[in-house]
Amino acid sequence: MKIKVRLQEILDERGISQRQLALMVNMRPGTINALCRGTTDRIYISTLEDICRALNIHIHELIDMEEA
């Protein structure tokens, strides 16, 4: 199984840019971009919490499991 972060899909659905989210959660735009592109192999739980809180979503909406 592969874990997929659905961040870019959620941002597109809501019309929020990566830069806007970075400002909302006080993170570097590069961090948000890496999450959106799926090029991150590590992420802090607190980062996921901050993103979920800012977007008012549950973690299961942000993370998907895909068959490898």
Protein backbone atom coordinates (compact mmCIF):
# COMPACT_ATOMS: atom_id res chain seq x y z
CA MET A 1 0.00 0.00 0.00
CA LYS A 2 1.07 3.55 -0.68
CA ILE A 3 0.02 6.60 1.32
CA LYS A 4 -1.12 9.56 -0.75
CA VAL A 5 -1.65 13.08 0.57
CA ARG A 6 -4.65 14.58 -1.25
CA LEU A 7 -3.69 18.17 -0.45
CA GLN A 8 -3.58 19.53 -4.00
CA GLU A 9 -6.99 18.02 -4.78
CA ILE A 10 -8.51 19.63 -1.69
CA LEU A 11 -6.93 23.01 -2.45
CA ASP A 12 -8.23 22.86 -6.04
CA GLU A 13 -11.75 21.99 -4.84
CA ARG A 14 -11.74 24.98 -2.50
CA GLY A 15 -9.99 27.46 -4.77
CA ILE A 16 -7.12 27.94 -2.34
CA SER A 17 -3.57 28.37 -3.61
CA GLN A 18 -0.58 26.65 -2.08
CA ARG A 19 0.75 30.08 -1.11
CA GLN A 20 -2.51 30.97 0.66
CA LEU A 21 -2.40 27.73 2.65
CA ALA A 22 1.25 28.34 3.54
CA LEU A 23 0.25 31.70 5.01
CA MET A 24 -2.75 30.17 6.82
CA VAL A 25 -0.60 27.55 8.56
CA ASN A 26 2.59 29.61 8.84
CA MET A 27 4.72 27.18 6.81
CA ARG A 28 7.22 27.60 4.03
CA PRO A 29 5.57 27.50 0.59
CA GLY A 30 8.15 24.87 -0.40
CA THR A 31 6.85 22.54 2.31
CA ILE A 32 3.28 22.86 1.06
CA ASN A 33 4.45 22.40 -2.53
CA ALA A 34 6.30 19.19 -1.66
CA LEU A 35 3.21 17.82 0.05
CA CYS A 36 1.07 18.70 -2.95
CA ARG A 37 3.49 17.06 -5.39
CA GLY A 38 3.92 13.97 -3.23
CA THR A 39 7.68 14.30 -3.03
CA THR A 40 7.84 14.20 0.77
CA ASP A 41 8.84 10.99 2.48
CA ARG A 42 8.48 12.37 6.03
CA ILE A 43 5.92 14.63 7.61
CA TYR A 44 5.30 15.68 11.18
CA ILE A 45 1.94 14.82 12.71
CA SER A 46 1.72 18.42 13.90
CA THR A 47 2.02 19.58 10.27
CA LEU A 48 -0.93 17.38 9.28
CA GLU A 49 -2.87 18.67 12.29
CA ASP A 50 -2.21 22.29 11.31
CA ILE A 51 -3.31 21.68 7.71
CA CYS A 52 -6.46 19.83 8.80
CA ARG A 53 -7.32 22.59 11.25
CA ALA A 54 -6.80 25.33 8.66
CA LEU A 55 -8.91 23.54 6.05
CA ASN A 56 -11.48 22.32 8.60
CA ILE A 57 -11.13 18.70 7.49
CA HIS A 58 -10.47 15.35 9.15
CA ILE A 59 -7.23 13.47 8.60
CA HIS A 60 -9.01 10.72 6.65
CA GLU A 61 -10.00 13.34 4.07
CA LEU A 62 -6.37 14.38 3.63
CA ILE A 63 -4.71 10.94 3.53
CA ASP A 64 -5.54 8.16 1.10
CA MET A 65 -4.24 4.61 0.87
CA GLU A 66 -3.53 3.32 -2.63
CA GLU A 67 -2.74 -0.18 -3.80
CA ALA A 68 0.90 -0.29 -4.90
